[in-house]
Each structure stands twice: as C-alpha cells, then as structure tokens.
Amino acid sequence: MPIRGPGRTKSIRHWAAHLGGRLLAAASSGQVNHILLGHLVLAFAQRLHATIDFDGVLGYTPDDRAEEAADLARARALVATLPGTVREVSYDTGGGDRWIRHVGDLQFLRAWLQHPDFRLVK
C-alpha cells in the first residue's frame, strides 16, 4: 500500500525487495482512488495467493493524542466485524516506541472493500 515514513523517498523496487513481496502504492487520495487501488491489490493478492499488508491500522484516524486509545479501540472493533483473517503486527517506530499495522487475507480485503467506511491507510 502507500509508502509512508522516513523512507518515503526510497524507490518502490527497494521496498518490494526489502519486504520480500510486491508493493502497490498510489500518490493520490480520494475515495475513488482508494477503491481502485484496493481492487488492484485484491486482483494481485488473488493471483499471487498473497496476504495484504495494509501499512497501518485500518479504520484508525488519529485526531487527538489524548483520545488515541479510544480511536484504536474503535478501529479494532470495526476490523473485528469483518469476515476473513486480519492480524495486528507490531513494529518499532524508532526511539523505543512501537505501533501496529494490519495484515489481512483476501476474504478480509473483499469485505473491507464493501464496507461503507472503506479507505486505505495514508
């Protein structure tokens, strides 16, 4: 999905090799672009029998640091309502902090694409 973070300037080939997989990214926003990219990922994942790394927490929109726990709880509740398998994968954000990203299967992505709150992580 989208390339984020301090390594943003690295090439897509670099990230695909680093991650040991394929990376699809779009430098655009908006619901139509999210849906288009989501369907492209679905087609690739189906053909390659791959899992999908969403590069962040789905359904999570950080508004205020003070409400972070509540926002994360809402995102987790949303993801739990969808069929398929999704996992939280912990990673180091630097400076000793950790965060999570969602990784899901084809069935989960199909359901997420149909959800009214569907959007990809920016």
N, C-alpha and C. Protein backbone atom coordinates (compact mmCIF):
# COMPACT_ATOMS: atom_id res chain seq x y z
N MET A 1 0.84 -1.16 0.00
CA MET A 1 0.00 0.00 0.00
C MET A 1 0.90 1.24 0.00
N PRO A 2 0.41 2.38 0.46
CA PRO A 2 1.23 3.59 0.34
C PRO A 2 2.55 3.49 1.10
N ILE A 3 3.58 4.16 0.58
CA ILE A 3 4.87 4.25 1.24
C ILE A 3 4.79 5.42 2.21
N ARG A 4 5.07 5.15 3.49
CA ARG A 4 4.99 6.21 4.50
C ARG A 4 6.27 6.23 5.30
N GLY A 5 6.44 7.29 6.03
CA GLY A 5 7.52 7.35 6.99
C GLY A 5 8.81 7.93 6.41
N PRO A 6 9.89 7.82 7.21
CA PRO A 6 11.14 8.46 6.84
C PRO A 6 11.75 7.93 5.56
N GLY A 7 11.45 6.70 5.18
CA GLY A 7 12.00 6.12 3.95
C GLY A 7 11.18 6.41 2.72
N ARG A 8 10.27 7.36 2.79
CA ARG A 8 9.34 7.64 1.71
C ARG A 8 10.03 7.89 0.37
N THR A 9 11.24 8.42 0.39
CA THR A 9 11.91 8.75 -0.86
C THR A 9 12.54 7.54 -1.53
N LYS A 10 12.56 6.40 -0.87
CA LYS A 10 13.15 5.21 -1.47
C LYS A 10 12.23 4.68 -2.56
N SER A 11 12.83 4.02 -3.52
CA SER A 11 12.05 3.54 -4.66
C SER A 11 11.14 2.38 -4.27
N ILE A 12 10.13 2.18 -5.07
CA ILE A 12 9.21 1.07 -4.86
C ILE A 12 9.96 -0.25 -4.99
N ARG A 13 10.91 -0.34 -5.92
CA ARG A 13 11.71 -1.56 -6.06
C ARG A 13 12.47 -1.87 -4.77
N HIS A 14 13.03 -0.82 -4.15
CA HIS A 14 13.75 -1.01 -2.89
C HIS A 14 12.83 -1.62 -1.84
N TRP A 15 11.62 -1.05 -1.70
CA TRP A 15 10.70 -1.54 -0.68
C TRP A 15 10.21 -2.94 -0.99
N ALA A 16 9.92 -3.23 -2.26
CA ALA A 16 9.45 -4.57 -2.63
C ALA A 16 10.53 -5.61 -2.31
N ALA A 17 11.78 -5.28 -2.62
CA ALA A 17 12.87 -6.21 -2.32
C ALA A 17 13.05 -6.35 -0.81
N HIS A 18 12.96 -5.24 -0.12
CA HIS A 18 13.14 -5.25 1.34
C HIS A 18 12.04 -6.05 2.03
N LEU A 19 10.83 -5.93 1.55
CA LEU A 19 9.70 -6.60 2.17
C LEU A 19 9.54 -8.05 1.69
N GLY A 20 10.28 -8.41 0.65
CA GLY A 20 10.17 -9.77 0.14
C GLY A 20 8.86 -10.01 -0.57
N GLY A 21 8.26 -8.99 -1.12
CA GLY A 21 6.97 -9.15 -1.78
C GLY A 21 6.77 -8.07 -2.81
N ARG A 22 5.54 -7.81 -3.10
CA ARG A 22 5.16 -6.77 -4.06
C ARG A 22 4.58 -5.61 -3.29
N LEU A 23 4.80 -4.42 -3.83
CA LEU A 23 4.29 -3.22 -3.18
C LEU A 23 3.51 -2.41 -4.21
N LEU A 24 2.26 -2.10 -3.89
CA LEU A 24 1.45 -1.23 -4.74
C LEU A 24 1.22 0.05 -3.98
N ALA A 25 1.46 1.16 -4.63
CA ALA A 25 1.30 2.46 -3.99
C ALA A 25 0.69 3.44 -4.98
N ALA A 26 0.00 4.42 -4.48
CA ALA A 26 -0.58 5.47 -5.31
C ALA A 26 -0.37 6.80 -4.61
N ALA A 27 0.11 7.75 -5.35
CA ALA A 27 0.35 9.08 -4.78
C ALA A 27 -0.87 9.96 -5.03
N SER A 28 -2.02 9.46 -4.66
CA SER A 28 -3.25 10.23 -4.83
C SER A 28 -4.20 9.88 -3.69
N SER A 29 -5.21 10.69 -3.54
CA SER A 29 -6.14 10.49 -2.45
C SER A 29 -7.56 10.46 -3.01
N GLY A 30 -8.51 10.34 -2.14
CA GLY A 30 -9.91 10.34 -2.56
C GLY A 30 -10.48 8.94 -2.61
N GLN A 31 -11.76 8.84 -2.36
CA GLN A 31 -12.44 7.55 -2.27
C GLN A 31 -12.29 6.72 -3.55
N VAL A 32 -12.44 7.33 -4.72
CA VAL A 32 -12.33 6.59 -5.98
C VAL A 32 -10.94 5.97 -6.11
N ASN A 33 -9.91 6.71 -5.77
CA ASN A 33 -8.54 6.19 -5.86
C ASN A 33 -8.30 5.08 -4.85
N HIS A 34 -8.86 5.21 -3.67
CA HIS A 34 -8.72 4.16 -2.66
C HIS A 34 -9.39 2.87 -3.15
N ILE A 35 -10.58 3.00 -3.71
CA ILE A 35 -11.30 1.83 -4.21
C ILE A 35 -10.56 1.18 -5.37
N LEU A 36 -10.07 1.99 -6.30
CA LEU A 36 -9.32 1.47 -7.44
C LEU A 36 -8.08 0.71 -6.97
N LEU A 37 -7.30 1.31 -6.09
CA LEU A 37 -6.10 0.64 -5.58
C LEU A 37 -6.46 -0.63 -4.81
N GLY A 38 -7.53 -0.56 -4.02
CA GLY A 38 -7.98 -1.73 -3.27
C GLY A 38 -8.32 -2.89 -4.19
N HIS A 39 -8.99 -2.60 -5.31
CA HIS A 39 -9.34 -3.67 -6.26
C HIS A 39 -8.11 -4.19 -7.00
N LEU A 40 -7.15 -3.33 -7.28
CA LEU A 40 -5.90 -3.80 -7.88
C LEU A 40 -5.16 -4.74 -6.92
N VAL A 41 -5.10 -4.35 -5.66
CA VAL A 41 -4.46 -5.20 -4.65
C VAL A 41 -5.20 -6.53 -4.54
N LEU A 42 -6.52 -6.48 -4.56
CA LEU A 42 -7.32 -7.70 -4.50
C LEU A 42 -6.96 -8.64 -5.66
N ALA A 43 -6.88 -8.10 -6.87
CA ALA A 43 -6.55 -8.92 -8.04
C ALA A 43 -5.15 -9.52 -7.92
N PHE A 44 -4.17 -8.72 -7.50
CA PHE A 44 -2.81 -9.24 -7.33
C PHE A 44 -2.76 -10.29 -6.22
N ALA A 45 -3.39 -10.01 -5.11
CA ALA A 45 -3.36 -10.95 -3.97
C ALA A 45 -4.00 -12.28 -4.36
N GLN A 46 -5.07 -12.22 -5.13
CA GLN A 46 -5.74 -13.44 -5.57
C GLN A 46 -4.83 -14.24 -6.49
N ARG A 47 -4.20 -13.57 -7.43
CA ARG A 47 -3.33 -14.25 -8.39
C ARG A 47 -2.08 -14.81 -7.72
N LEU A 48 -1.53 -14.08 -6.75
CA LEU A 48 -0.28 -14.49 -6.12
C LEU A 48 -0.48 -15.29 -4.83
N HIS A 49 -1.75 -15.50 -4.45
CA HIS A 49 -2.06 -16.20 -3.19
C HIS A 49 -1.33 -15.52 -2.02
N ALA A 50 -1.47 -14.21 -1.96
CA ALA A 50 -0.71 -13.40 -1.01
C ALA A 50 -1.59 -12.83 0.09
N THR A 51 -0.97 -12.51 1.19
CA THR A 51 -1.62 -11.73 2.24
C THR A 51 -1.37 -10.27 1.92
N ILE A 52 -2.15 -9.40 2.55
CA ILE A 52 -2.07 -7.97 2.27
C ILE A 52 -1.62 -7.24 3.52
N ASP A 53 -0.52 -6.50 3.39
CA ASP A 53 -0.04 -5.64 4.47
C ASP A 53 -0.62 -4.25 4.21
N PHE A 54 -1.49 -3.80 5.08
CA PHE A 54 -2.18 -2.52 4.87
C PHE A 54 -1.35 -1.32 5.31
N ASP A 55 -0.17 -1.55 5.83
CA ASP A 55 0.78 -0.49 6.19
C ASP A 55 0.24 0.48 7.23
N GLY A 56 -0.61 0.00 8.10
CA GLY A 56 -1.15 0.84 9.16
C GLY A 56 -2.38 0.20 9.76
N VAL A 57 -3.07 0.97 10.56
CA VAL A 57 -4.26 0.48 11.25
C VAL A 57 -5.49 0.92 10.47
N LEU A 58 -6.26 -0.04 9.99
CA LEU A 58 -7.47 0.28 9.23
C LEU A 58 -8.55 0.83 10.15
N GLY A 59 -9.27 1.82 9.65
CA GLY A 59 -10.35 2.40 10.44
C GLY A 59 -9.87 3.32 11.54
N TYR A 60 -8.59 3.64 11.54
CA TYR A 60 -7.99 4.48 12.59
C TYR A 60 -7.67 5.84 12.02
N THR A 61 -8.24 6.86 12.63
CA THR A 61 -7.93 8.23 12.24
C THR A 61 -7.53 8.99 13.50
N PRO A 62 -6.23 9.18 13.70
CA PRO A 62 -5.80 9.86 14.91
C PRO A 62 -6.23 11.33 14.89
N ASP A 63 -7.04 11.71 15.85
CA ASP A 63 -7.49 13.09 15.94
C ASP A 63 -6.73 13.83 17.03
N ASP A 64 -6.61 13.19 18.16
CA ASP A 64 -6.05 13.84 19.32
C ASP A 64 -5.27 12.78 20.11
N ARG A 65 -4.06 13.09 20.49
CA ARG A 65 -3.22 12.15 21.24
C ARG A 65 -3.93 11.65 22.50
N ALA A 66 -4.73 12.51 23.12
CA ALA A 66 -5.43 12.13 24.35
C ALA A 66 -6.50 11.08 24.09
N GLU A 67 -7.02 11.01 22.86
CA GLU A 67 -8.06 10.05 22.52
C GLU A 67 -7.53 8.87 21.72
N GLU A 68 -6.21 8.71 21.68
CA GLU A 68 -5.61 7.66 20.87
C GLU A 68 -6.11 6.26 21.24
N ALA A 69 -6.20 5.97 22.53
CA ALA A 69 -6.64 4.64 22.97
C ALA A 69 -8.07 4.36 22.52
N ALA A 70 -8.94 5.36 22.63
CA ALA A 70 -10.34 5.18 22.21
C ALA A 70 -10.43 5.02 20.69
N ASP A 71 -9.64 5.79 19.94
CA ASP A 71 -9.64 5.67 18.47
C ASP A 71 -9.15 4.29 18.05
N LEU A 72 -8.12 3.80 18.72
CA LEU A 72 -7.59 2.48 18.41
C LEU A 72 -8.60 1.39 18.76
N ALA A 73 -9.30 1.54 19.87
CA ALA A 73 -10.33 0.57 20.26
C ALA A 73 -11.45 0.53 19.23
N ARG A 74 -11.85 1.69 18.71
CA ARG A 74 -12.89 1.74 17.67
C ARG A 74 -12.41 1.06 16.39
N ALA A 75 -11.15 1.29 16.01
CA ALA A 75 -10.59 0.66 14.82
C ALA A 75 -10.56 -0.87 14.98
N ARG A 76 -10.14 -1.32 16.15
CA ARG A 76 -10.09 -2.77 16.40
C ARG A 76 -11.49 -3.37 16.36
N ALA A 77 -12.47 -2.68 16.91
CA ALA A 77 -13.86 -3.17 16.89
C ALA A 77 -14.38 -3.24 15.46
N LEU A 78 -14.09 -2.25 14.64
CA LEU A 78 -14.52 -2.23 13.25
C LEU A 78 -13.92 -3.42 12.49
N VAL A 79 -12.63 -3.62 12.60
CA VAL A 79 -11.95 -4.70 11.89
C VAL A 79 -12.49 -6.06 12.34
N ALA A 80 -12.81 -6.19 13.60
CA ALA A 80 -13.31 -7.47 14.14
C ALA A 80 -14.68 -7.84 13.58
N THR A 81 -15.43 -6.89 13.04
CA THR A 81 -16.76 -7.19 12.49
C THR A 81 -16.70 -7.81 11.10
N LEU A 82 -15.55 -7.76 10.45
CA LEU A 82 -15.44 -8.22 9.07
C LEU A 82 -14.98 -9.67 8.98
N PRO A 83 -15.48 -10.41 7.97
CA PRO A 83 -15.03 -11.80 7.79
C PRO A 83 -13.59 -11.84 7.30
N GLY A 84 -13.02 -13.02 7.35
CA GLY A 84 -11.65 -13.20 6.93
C GLY A 84 -10.71 -13.11 8.12
N THR A 85 -9.44 -13.11 7.82
CA THR A 85 -8.43 -13.07 8.86
C THR A 85 -7.64 -11.78 8.75
N VAL A 86 -7.48 -11.12 9.87
CA VAL A 86 -6.62 -9.93 9.94
C VAL A 86 -5.83 -10.03 11.24
N ARG A 87 -4.58 -9.65 11.15
CA ARG A 87 -3.69 -9.69 12.31
C ARG A 87 -3.09 -8.32 12.55
N GLU A 88 -2.76 -8.06 13.79
CA GLU A 88 -2.01 -6.87 14.14
C GLU A 88 -0.54 -7.27 14.24
N VAL A 89 0.29 -6.59 13.49
CA VAL A 89 1.72 -6.86 13.51
C VAL A 89 2.40 -5.65 14.14
N SER A 90 3.14 -5.90 15.19
CA SER A 90 3.83 -4.84 15.92
C SER A 90 5.15 -4.51 15.22
N TYR A 91 5.52 -3.23 15.23
CA TYR A 91 6.80 -2.83 14.67
C TYR A 91 7.38 -1.66 15.46
N ASP A 92 8.67 -1.48 15.35
CA ASP A 92 9.40 -0.43 16.03
C ASP A 92 9.30 0.86 15.22
N THR A 93 8.86 1.93 15.85
CA THR A 93 8.74 3.21 15.15
C THR A 93 9.96 4.09 15.35
N GLY A 94 10.90 3.62 16.14
CA GLY A 94 12.09 4.41 16.44
C GLY A 94 11.95 5.06 17.80
N GLY A 95 13.05 5.30 18.45
CA GLY A 95 13.01 5.95 19.76
C GLY A 95 12.40 5.07 20.84
N GLY A 96 12.33 3.77 20.60
CA GLY A 96 11.78 2.86 21.60
C GLY A 96 10.27 2.70 21.56
N ASP A 97 9.59 3.42 20.68
CA ASP A 97 8.14 3.29 20.58
C ASP A 97 7.77 2.14 19.64
N ARG A 98 6.57 1.61 19.84
CA ARG A 98 6.05 0.55 18.97
C ARG A 98 4.66 0.94 18.51
N TRP A 99 4.28 0.43 17.36
CA TRP A 99 2.94 0.64 16.83
C TRP A 99 2.55 -0.62 16.10
N ILE A 100 1.34 -0.64 15.54
CA ILE A 100 0.86 -1.83 14.85
C ILE A 100 0.42 -1.51 13.43
N ARG A 101 0.36 -2.55 12.64
CA ARG A 101 -0.17 -2.45 11.28
C ARG A 101 -1.07 -3.67 11.08
N HIS A 102 -2.07 -3.53 10.23
CA HIS A 102 -2.93 -4.67 9.93
C HIS A 102 -2.40 -5.42 8.71
N VAL A 103 -2.47 -6.74 8.80
CA VAL A 103 -2.14 -7.63 7.69
C VAL A 103 -3.32 -8.60 7.58
N GLY A 104 -3.91 -8.69 6.39
CA GLY A 104 -5.11 -9.50 6.24
C GLY A 104 -5.09 -10.39 5.03
N ASP A 105 -6.11 -11.23 4.94
CA ASP A 105 -6.21 -12.14 3.81
C ASP A 105 -7.18 -11.61 2.76
N LEU A 106 -7.34 -12.38 1.71
CA LEU A 106 -8.18 -12.00 0.58
C LEU A 106 -9.64 -11.80 1.00
N GLN A 107 -10.16 -12.71 1.80
CA GLN A 107 -11.55 -12.60 2.26
C GLN A 107 -11.76 -11.31 3.05
N PHE A 108 -10.80 -10.97 3.89
CA PHE A 108 -10.90 -9.73 4.66
C PHE A 108 -10.91 -8.51 3.73
N LEU A 109 -9.99 -8.46 2.77
CA LEU A 109 -9.94 -7.32 1.86
C LEU A 109 -11.24 -7.20 1.06
N ARG A 110 -11.79 -8.32 0.60
CA ARG A 110 -13.07 -8.27 -0.13
C ARG A 110 -14.15 -7.61 0.73
N ALA A 111 -14.24 -8.03 1.99
CA ALA A 111 -15.24 -7.46 2.89
C ALA A 111 -14.95 -5.99 3.18
N TRP A 112 -13.69 -5.65 3.39
CA TRP A 112 -13.32 -4.26 3.69
C TRP A 112 -13.66 -3.35 2.51
N LEU A 113 -13.46 -3.83 1.29
CA LEU A 113 -13.80 -3.02 0.10
C LEU A 113 -15.30 -2.71 0.04
N GLN A 114 -16.13 -3.56 0.60
CA GLN A 114 -17.59 -3.36 0.57
C GLN A 114 -18.10 -2.54 1.76
N HIS A 115 -17.25 -2.32 2.74
CA HIS A 115 -17.67 -1.61 3.96
C HIS A 115 -17.85 -0.12 3.66
N PRO A 116 -18.88 0.52 4.21
CA PRO A 116 -19.10 1.95 3.92
C PRO A 116 -17.97 2.86 4.40
N ASP A 117 -17.19 2.44 5.38
CA ASP A 117 -16.08 3.26 5.87
C ASP A 117 -14.75 2.92 5.20
N PHE A 118 -14.80 2.12 4.12
CA PHE A 118 -13.56 1.70 3.46
C PHE A 118 -12.70 2.88 3.08
N ARG A 119 -11.43 2.77 3.42
CA ARG A 119 -10.39 3.65 2.92
C ARG A 119 -9.07 2.97 3.22
N LEU A 120 -8.06 3.32 2.49
CA LEU A 120 -6.74 2.76 2.73
C LEU A 120 -5.97 3.68 3.67
N VAL A 121 -4.92 3.16 4.22
CA VAL A 121 -4.09 3.96 5.12
C VAL A 121 -3.27 4.92 4.29
N LYS A 122 -3.20 6.16 4.74
CA LYS A 122 -2.39 7.17 4.01
C LYS A 122 -1.03 7.26 4.64
